[in-house]
């Protein structure tokens, strides 16, 4: 899959319209939600509403819950403990459900233009960076952070 792009996006500080516009500009066909909990206090980012809004704009939606960070990892990330979050998430990724969904992510990302969504604006402090790094290393994806 060399040459294929994999996008990541965080919605912290953004509106749903901003996020959808960035996805459309990048030509994203499928948004993969990699949050453990696809609910949000930010308007427009809860699973059902987000999925409906994306579909109305021609972008498909897929929630891969097992690729979300466990609560301890989310708490570490909030505190800025990125190394700790990465260690917690690496353990979580070794679990069978996570491995199945990681394989699913790899397949869909090979078939169409995919963006992974999570909360953090800065991808470097988010577990989606770990997923992107893994796919880049394993499959040669070019990672683009929107």
N, C-alpha and C. Protein backbone atom coordinates (compact mmCIF):
# COMPACT_ATOMS: atom_id res chain seq x y z
N UNK A 1 0.79 -1.20 0.00
CA UNK A 1 0.00 0.00 0.00
C UNK A 1 0.85 1.27 0.00
N UNK A 2 2.11 1.18 -0.40
CA UNK A 2 2.94 2.38 -0.42
C UNK A 2 2.29 3.47 -1.26
N UNK A 3 2.47 4.71 -0.81
CA UNK A 3 1.90 5.83 -1.54
C UNK A 3 0.48 6.17 -1.10
N UNK A 4 -0.13 5.28 -0.33
CA UNK A 4 -1.49 5.56 0.14
C UNK A 4 -1.42 6.49 1.33
N UNK A 5 -2.39 7.40 1.38
CA UNK A 5 -2.44 8.35 2.48
C UNK A 5 -3.41 7.87 3.55
N UNK A 6 -3.06 8.14 4.78
CA UNK A 6 -3.91 7.88 5.93
C UNK A 6 -3.99 9.19 6.70
N UNK A 7 -5.20 9.68 6.89
CA UNK A 7 -5.39 10.96 7.54
C UNK A 7 -5.78 10.77 9.00
N UNK A 8 -5.42 11.74 9.83
CA UNK A 8 -5.90 11.75 11.21
C UNK A 8 -6.44 13.15 11.49
N UNK A 9 -7.44 13.21 12.36
CA UNK A 9 -8.03 14.51 12.69
C UNK A 9 -8.54 14.48 14.13
N UNK A 10 -8.37 15.59 14.80
CA UNK A 10 -8.90 15.77 16.15
C UNK A 10 -9.90 16.90 16.12
N UNK A 11 -10.92 16.80 16.95
CA UNK A 11 -11.97 17.83 16.90
C UNK A 11 -11.93 18.81 18.07
N UNK A 12 -10.92 18.70 18.91
CA UNK A 12 -10.78 19.63 20.04
C UNK A 12 -10.72 21.07 19.51
N UNK A 13 -11.61 21.90 20.00
CA UNK A 13 -11.62 23.31 19.59
C UNK A 13 -12.22 23.57 18.22
N UNK A 14 -12.75 22.55 17.57
CA UNK A 14 -13.32 22.70 16.23
C UNK A 14 -14.83 22.50 16.26
N UNK A 15 -15.50 23.01 15.24
CA UNK A 15 -16.93 22.72 15.09
C UNK A 15 -17.06 21.51 14.17
N UNK A 16 -18.24 20.90 14.20
CA UNK A 16 -18.47 19.77 13.30
C UNK A 16 -18.29 20.22 11.85
N UNK A 17 -18.80 21.40 11.50
CA UNK A 17 -18.68 21.91 10.13
C UNK A 17 -17.22 22.07 9.72
N UNK A 18 -16.37 22.54 10.65
CA UNK A 18 -14.93 22.68 10.36
C UNK A 18 -14.31 21.32 10.04
N UNK A 19 -14.63 20.34 10.87
CA UNK A 19 -14.06 19.00 10.70
C UNK A 19 -14.51 18.41 9.37
N UNK A 20 -15.80 18.50 9.07
CA UNK A 20 -16.32 17.94 7.81
C UNK A 20 -15.68 18.65 6.62
N UNK A 21 -15.52 19.95 6.71
CA UNK A 21 -14.90 20.70 5.61
C UNK A 21 -13.46 20.23 5.38
N UNK A 22 -12.71 20.02 6.47
CA UNK A 22 -11.32 19.55 6.32
C UNK A 22 -11.29 18.15 5.71
N UNK A 23 -12.22 17.29 6.11
CA UNK A 23 -12.28 15.94 5.56
C UNK A 23 -12.59 15.98 4.06
N UNK A 24 -13.56 16.81 3.70
CA UNK A 24 -13.95 16.91 2.28
C UNK A 24 -12.81 17.47 1.43
N UNK A 25 -12.13 18.48 1.94
CA UNK A 25 -10.99 19.06 1.21
C UNK A 25 -9.92 18.01 0.96
N UNK A 26 -9.73 17.10 1.92
CA UNK A 26 -8.71 16.04 1.79
C UNK A 26 -9.21 14.86 0.95
N UNK A 27 -10.49 14.87 0.58
CA UNK A 27 -11.03 13.77 -0.21
C UNK A 27 -11.28 12.51 0.59
N UNK A 28 -11.48 12.66 1.90
CA UNK A 28 -11.72 11.50 2.76
C UNK A 28 -13.07 10.86 2.42
N UNK A 29 -13.07 9.53 2.30
CA UNK A 29 -14.29 8.78 1.97
C UNK A 29 -14.89 8.09 3.19
N UNK A 30 -14.05 7.81 4.18
CA UNK A 30 -14.50 7.08 5.37
C UNK A 30 -13.83 7.67 6.61
N UNK A 31 -14.65 8.07 7.58
CA UNK A 31 -14.12 8.52 8.86
C UNK A 31 -14.20 7.35 9.83
N UNK A 32 -13.05 6.97 10.37
CA UNK A 32 -13.00 5.90 11.36
C UNK A 32 -12.83 6.55 12.73
N UNK A 33 -13.85 6.40 13.53
CA UNK A 33 -13.88 6.96 14.88
C UNK A 33 -13.12 5.97 15.78
N UNK A 34 -12.01 6.42 16.35
CA UNK A 34 -11.20 5.54 17.19
C UNK A 34 -11.28 5.96 18.65
N UNK A 35 -12.47 6.44 19.05
CA UNK A 35 -12.69 6.77 20.46
C UNK A 35 -13.30 5.56 21.16
N UNK A 36 -12.87 5.31 22.37
CA UNK A 36 -13.46 4.22 23.16
C UNK A 36 -14.91 4.56 23.48
N UNK A 37 -15.17 5.84 23.72
CA UNK A 37 -16.51 6.32 24.03
C UNK A 37 -16.87 7.35 22.98
N UNK A 38 -17.79 6.99 22.08
CA UNK A 38 -18.14 7.88 20.97
C UNK A 38 -19.27 8.82 21.37
N UNK A 39 -19.09 9.44 22.52
CA UNK A 39 -20.02 10.46 23.00
C UNK A 39 -19.17 11.68 23.27
N UNK A 40 -19.79 12.85 23.15
CA UNK A 40 -19.02 14.06 23.36
C UNK A 40 -19.91 15.17 23.88
N UNK A 41 -19.33 16.01 24.71
CA UNK A 41 -20.05 17.19 25.17
C UNK A 41 -20.01 18.27 24.09
N UNK A 42 -19.12 18.11 23.12
CA UNK A 42 -19.05 19.07 22.02
C UNK A 42 -20.16 18.77 21.01
N UNK A 43 -20.89 19.79 20.65
CA UNK A 43 -22.02 19.64 19.74
C UNK A 43 -21.59 19.00 18.42
N UNK A 44 -22.34 17.97 18.03
CA UNK A 44 -22.12 17.35 16.73
C UNK A 44 -21.12 16.22 16.69
N UNK A 45 -20.54 15.85 17.84
CA UNK A 45 -19.50 14.83 17.81
C UNK A 45 -19.88 13.52 18.50
N UNK A 46 -21.14 13.37 18.89
CA UNK A 46 -21.59 12.08 19.40
C UNK A 46 -21.84 11.17 18.19
N UNK A 47 -21.67 9.89 18.40
CA UNK A 47 -21.65 8.90 17.33
C UNK A 47 -22.79 9.02 16.32
N UNK A 48 -24.03 8.99 16.77
CA UNK A 48 -25.17 8.97 15.85
C UNK A 48 -25.25 10.25 15.03
N UNK A 49 -25.19 11.38 15.69
CA UNK A 49 -25.28 12.66 14.99
C UNK A 49 -24.10 12.86 14.04
N UNK A 50 -22.91 12.51 14.49
CA UNK A 50 -21.73 12.64 13.64
C UNK A 50 -21.86 11.77 12.40
N UNK A 51 -22.25 10.51 12.60
CA UNK A 51 -22.41 9.59 11.47
C UNK A 51 -23.44 10.09 10.46
N UNK A 52 -24.58 10.59 10.96
CA UNK A 52 -25.62 11.11 10.06
C UNK A 52 -25.14 12.33 9.31
N UNK A 53 -24.45 13.23 10.00
CA UNK A 53 -23.95 14.45 9.37
C UNK A 53 -22.90 14.13 8.30
N UNK A 54 -22.02 13.17 8.58
CA UNK A 54 -21.01 12.77 7.61
C UNK A 54 -21.67 12.15 6.38
N UNK A 55 -22.63 11.24 6.59
CA UNK A 55 -23.30 10.59 5.47
C UNK A 55 -24.00 11.61 4.58
N UNK A 56 -24.58 12.64 5.19
CA UNK A 56 -25.25 13.70 4.42
C UNK A 56 -24.26 14.45 3.52
N UNK A 57 -22.98 14.39 3.88
CA UNK A 57 -21.93 15.06 3.10
C UNK A 57 -21.14 14.07 2.22
N UNK A 58 -21.62 12.82 2.15
CA UNK A 58 -20.99 11.83 1.28
C UNK A 58 -19.79 11.12 1.88
N UNK A 59 -19.65 11.18 3.21
CA UNK A 59 -18.53 10.51 3.88
C UNK A 59 -19.11 9.41 4.77
N UNK A 60 -18.59 8.21 4.63
CA UNK A 60 -19.05 7.10 5.46
C UNK A 60 -18.43 7.19 6.85
N UNK A 61 -19.05 6.48 7.81
CA UNK A 61 -18.63 6.53 9.21
C UNK A 61 -18.51 5.12 9.75
N UNK A 62 -17.45 4.86 10.48
CA UNK A 62 -17.23 3.55 11.11
C UNK A 62 -16.63 3.78 12.49
N UNK A 63 -17.27 3.22 13.52
CA UNK A 63 -16.74 3.34 14.87
C UNK A 63 -16.03 2.04 15.24
N UNK A 64 -14.74 2.13 15.52
CA UNK A 64 -13.95 0.97 15.95
C UNK A 64 -13.58 1.18 17.42
N UNK A 65 -14.54 0.86 18.29
CA UNK A 65 -14.42 1.10 19.73
C UNK A 65 -13.18 0.45 20.34
N UNK A 66 -12.82 -0.74 19.88
CA UNK A 66 -11.68 -1.46 20.48
C UNK A 66 -10.35 -0.78 20.17
N UNK A 67 -10.35 0.22 19.28
CA UNK A 67 -9.13 0.97 18.99
C UNK A 67 -9.06 2.26 19.81
N UNK A 68 -9.99 2.43 20.71
CA UNK A 68 -9.97 3.58 21.60
C UNK A 68 -9.03 3.32 22.78
N UNK A 69 -8.68 4.40 23.44
CA UNK A 69 -7.79 4.29 24.60
C UNK A 69 -8.59 3.95 25.85
N UNK A 70 -8.13 2.99 26.65
CA UNK A 70 -8.82 2.71 27.91
C UNK A 70 -8.79 3.97 28.79
N UNK A 71 -9.68 3.99 29.78
CA UNK A 71 -9.81 5.16 30.65
C UNK A 71 -8.48 5.62 31.23
N UNK A 72 -7.67 4.70 31.70
CA UNK A 72 -6.37 5.08 32.28
C UNK A 72 -5.49 5.79 31.25
N UNK A 73 -5.56 5.36 30.01
CA UNK A 73 -4.79 6.00 28.94
C UNK A 73 -5.31 7.39 28.63
N UNK A 74 -6.64 7.55 28.64
CA UNK A 74 -7.22 8.88 28.40
C UNK A 74 -6.82 9.84 29.51
N UNK A 75 -6.82 9.33 30.76
CA UNK A 75 -6.44 10.18 31.90
C UNK A 75 -4.98 10.59 31.81
N UNK A 76 -4.12 9.66 31.41
CA UNK A 76 -2.69 9.98 31.25
C UNK A 76 -2.51 11.04 30.17
N UNK A 77 -3.22 10.90 29.06
CA UNK A 77 -3.11 11.87 27.96
C UNK A 77 -3.55 13.25 28.41
N UNK A 78 -4.66 13.31 29.16
CA UNK A 78 -5.16 14.60 29.66
C UNK A 78 -4.13 15.31 30.52
N UNK A 79 -3.35 14.53 31.27
CA UNK A 79 -2.33 15.10 32.15
C UNK A 79 -1.03 15.39 31.40
N UNK A 80 -0.99 15.02 30.12
CA UNK A 80 0.22 15.24 29.33
C UNK A 80 1.26 14.14 29.50
N UNK A 81 0.86 13.00 30.10
CA UNK A 81 1.78 11.87 30.30
C UNK A 81 1.73 10.98 29.05
N UNK A 82 2.34 11.45 27.99
CA UNK A 82 2.22 10.79 26.70
C UNK A 82 2.89 9.41 26.69
N UNK A 83 4.06 9.30 27.31
CA UNK A 83 4.74 8.00 27.35
C UNK A 83 3.87 6.96 28.07
N UNK A 84 3.25 7.38 29.18
CA UNK A 84 2.37 6.49 29.94
C UNK A 84 1.14 6.10 29.10
N UNK A 85 0.55 7.09 28.40
CA UNK A 85 -0.60 6.80 27.55
C UNK A 85 -0.22 5.80 26.47
N UNK A 86 0.94 5.98 25.87
CA UNK A 86 1.37 5.07 24.81
C UNK A 86 1.58 3.65 25.35
N UNK A 87 2.13 3.53 26.55
CA UNK A 87 2.35 2.20 27.15
C UNK A 87 1.01 1.52 27.44
N UNK A 88 0.08 2.27 27.99
CA UNK A 88 -1.25 1.71 28.29
C UNK A 88 -1.93 1.29 26.99
N UNK A 89 -1.84 2.14 25.97
CA UNK A 89 -2.49 1.83 24.70
C UNK A 89 -1.82 0.64 24.01
N UNK A 90 -0.51 0.52 24.11
CA UNK A 90 0.19 -0.62 23.50
C UNK A 90 -0.30 -1.93 24.12
N UNK A 91 -0.48 -1.95 25.44
CA UNK A 91 -1.02 -3.15 26.11
C UNK A 91 -2.44 -3.44 25.60
N UNK A 92 -3.23 -2.38 25.47
CA UNK A 92 -4.61 -2.52 25.01
C UNK A 92 -4.65 -3.08 23.57
N UNK A 93 -3.73 -2.61 22.73
CA UNK A 93 -3.70 -3.06 21.32
C UNK A 93 -3.37 -4.54 21.19
N UNK A 94 -2.74 -5.11 22.20
CA UNK A 94 -2.39 -6.54 22.15
C UNK A 94 -3.61 -7.43 22.39
N UNK A 95 -4.70 -6.87 22.87
CA UNK A 95 -5.91 -7.66 23.15
C UNK A 95 -6.56 -8.12 21.85
N UNK A 96 -7.20 -9.31 21.87
CA UNK A 96 -7.81 -9.87 20.65
C UNK A 96 -8.80 -8.94 19.95
N UNK A 97 -9.68 -8.29 20.70
CA UNK A 97 -10.67 -7.40 20.06
C UNK A 97 -9.97 -6.25 19.35
N UNK A 98 -8.92 -5.72 19.96
CA UNK A 98 -8.16 -4.62 19.35
C UNK A 98 -7.45 -5.11 18.10
N UNK A 99 -6.89 -6.30 18.15
CA UNK A 99 -6.19 -6.84 16.98
C UNK A 99 -7.16 -7.03 15.81
N UNK A 100 -8.37 -7.50 16.10
CA UNK A 100 -9.37 -7.67 15.04
C UNK A 100 -9.73 -6.32 14.41
N UNK A 101 -9.93 -5.32 15.24
CA UNK A 101 -10.30 -4.03 14.69
C UNK A 101 -9.12 -3.32 14.03
N UNK A 102 -7.92 -3.59 14.48
CA UNK A 102 -6.74 -3.05 13.82
C UNK A 102 -6.63 -3.64 12.41
N UNK A 103 -6.91 -4.92 12.27
CA UNK A 103 -6.90 -5.56 10.95
C UNK A 103 -8.00 -4.96 10.07
N UNK A 104 -9.15 -4.65 10.67
CA UNK A 104 -10.25 -4.03 9.93
C UNK A 104 -9.84 -2.63 9.46
N UNK A 105 -9.18 -1.87 10.33
CA UNK A 105 -8.71 -0.53 9.97
C UNK A 105 -7.72 -0.62 8.82
N UNK A 106 -6.80 -1.56 8.92
CA UNK A 106 -5.79 -1.75 7.87
C UNK A 106 -6.45 -2.05 6.53
N UNK A 107 -7.47 -2.89 6.54
CA UNK A 107 -8.18 -3.26 5.31
C UNK A 107 -8.90 -2.06 4.70
N UNK A 108 -9.69 -1.36 5.51
CA UNK A 108 -10.46 -0.24 4.95
C UNK A 108 -9.53 0.89 4.50
N UNK A 109 -8.42 1.10 5.21
CA UNK A 109 -7.48 2.15 4.82
C UNK A 109 -6.78 1.81 3.51
N UNK A 110 -6.68 0.52 3.20
CA UNK A 110 -6.09 0.09 1.94
C UNK A 110 -7.05 0.21 0.78
N UNK A 111 -8.35 0.26 1.10
CA UNK A 111 -9.39 0.30 0.06
C UNK A 111 -9.84 1.70 -0.32
N UNK A 112 -9.76 2.64 0.61
CA UNK A 112 -10.25 3.99 0.34
C UNK A 112 -9.56 5.01 1.23
N UNK A 113 -9.84 6.29 0.97
CA UNK A 113 -9.22 7.37 1.74
C UNK A 113 -9.89 7.46 3.10
N UNK A 114 -9.10 7.15 4.13
CA UNK A 114 -9.60 7.06 5.49
C UNK A 114 -8.96 8.13 6.36
N UNK A 115 -9.78 8.68 7.28
CA UNK A 115 -9.26 9.54 8.33
C UNK A 115 -9.67 8.93 9.66
N UNK A 116 -8.75 8.91 10.61
CA UNK A 116 -9.06 8.47 11.97
C UNK A 116 -9.39 9.70 12.80
N UNK A 117 -10.48 9.63 13.54
CA UNK A 117 -10.92 10.74 14.38
C UNK A 117 -10.79 10.43 15.86
N UNK A 118 -10.28 11.40 16.60
CA UNK A 118 -10.30 11.37 18.05
C UNK A 118 -10.40 12.81 18.52
N UNK A 119 -10.37 13.03 19.82
CA UNK A 119 -10.60 14.35 20.38
C UNK A 119 -9.42 15.31 20.24
N UNK A 120 -8.25 14.90 20.68
CA UNK A 120 -7.10 15.80 20.81
C UNK A 120 -6.75 16.52 19.52
N UNK A 121 -6.60 17.82 19.61
CA UNK A 121 -6.20 18.62 18.44
C UNK A 121 -4.80 18.24 18.00
N UNK A 122 -3.89 18.06 18.95
CA UNK A 122 -2.50 17.73 18.65
C UNK A 122 -2.35 16.21 18.54
N UNK A 123 -2.15 15.73 17.34
CA UNK A 123 -2.06 14.28 17.11
C UNK A 123 -0.94 13.64 17.93
N UNK A 124 0.12 14.39 18.21
CA UNK A 124 1.26 13.81 18.92
C UNK A 124 0.89 13.37 20.34
N UNK A 125 -0.13 13.99 20.91
CA UNK A 125 -0.55 13.63 22.26
C UNK A 125 -1.73 12.70 22.28
N UNK A 126 -2.02 12.08 21.15
CA UNK A 126 -3.22 11.24 21.02
C UNK A 126 -2.85 9.83 20.59
N UNK A 127 -3.64 8.87 21.00
CA UNK A 127 -3.38 7.48 20.63
C UNK A 127 -3.53 7.24 19.13
N UNK A 128 -4.25 8.13 18.41
CA UNK A 128 -4.37 7.92 16.96
C UNK A 128 -3.01 8.01 16.28
N UNK A 129 -2.06 8.74 16.90
CA UNK A 129 -0.70 8.79 16.36
C UNK A 129 -0.04 7.42 16.42
N UNK A 130 -0.32 6.68 17.49
CA UNK A 130 0.24 5.32 17.63
C UNK A 130 -0.30 4.43 16.51
N UNK A 131 -1.61 4.51 16.27
CA UNK A 131 -2.22 3.71 15.19
C UNK A 131 -1.63 4.10 13.83
N UNK A 132 -1.51 5.40 13.60
CA UNK A 132 -0.98 5.89 12.33
C UNK A 132 0.47 5.45 12.13
N UNK A 133 1.27 5.55 13.19
CA UNK A 133 2.68 5.14 13.11
C UNK A 133 2.78 3.65 12.78
N UNK A 134 1.92 2.86 13.40
CA UNK A 134 1.94 1.42 13.17
C UNK A 134 1.61 1.11 11.71
N UNK A 135 0.54 1.74 11.18
CA UNK A 135 0.16 1.49 9.79
C UNK A 135 1.21 2.02 8.82
N UNK A 136 1.84 3.12 9.16
CA UNK A 136 2.91 3.66 8.31
C UNK A 136 4.08 2.68 8.26
N UNK A 137 4.46 2.14 9.43
CA UNK A 137 5.58 1.21 9.50
C UNK A 137 5.27 -0.12 8.83
N UNK A 138 4.06 -0.64 9.07
CA UNK A 138 3.69 -1.96 8.55
C UNK A 138 3.35 -1.94 7.06
N UNK A 139 2.66 -0.88 6.62
CA UNK A 139 2.11 -0.87 5.27
C UNK A 139 2.57 0.29 4.41
N UNK A 140 3.40 1.16 4.96
CA UNK A 140 3.93 2.25 4.16
C UNK A 140 2.97 3.40 3.92
N UNK A 141 1.94 3.53 4.73
CA UNK A 141 1.03 4.65 4.58
C UNK A 141 1.75 5.96 4.83
N UNK A 142 1.40 6.97 4.07
CA UNK A 142 1.86 8.33 4.33
C UNK A 142 0.81 8.94 5.25
N UNK A 143 1.22 9.37 6.44
CA UNK A 143 0.27 9.90 7.42
C UNK A 143 0.17 11.41 7.25
N UNK A 144 -1.08 11.89 7.15
CA UNK A 144 -1.35 13.32 7.02
C UNK A 144 -2.27 13.72 8.16
N UNK A 145 -1.81 14.63 9.00
CA UNK A 145 -2.62 15.10 10.13
C UNK A 145 -3.34 16.37 9.71
N UNK A 146 -4.66 16.27 9.68
CA UNK A 146 -5.48 17.40 9.23
C UNK A 146 -5.71 18.40 10.35
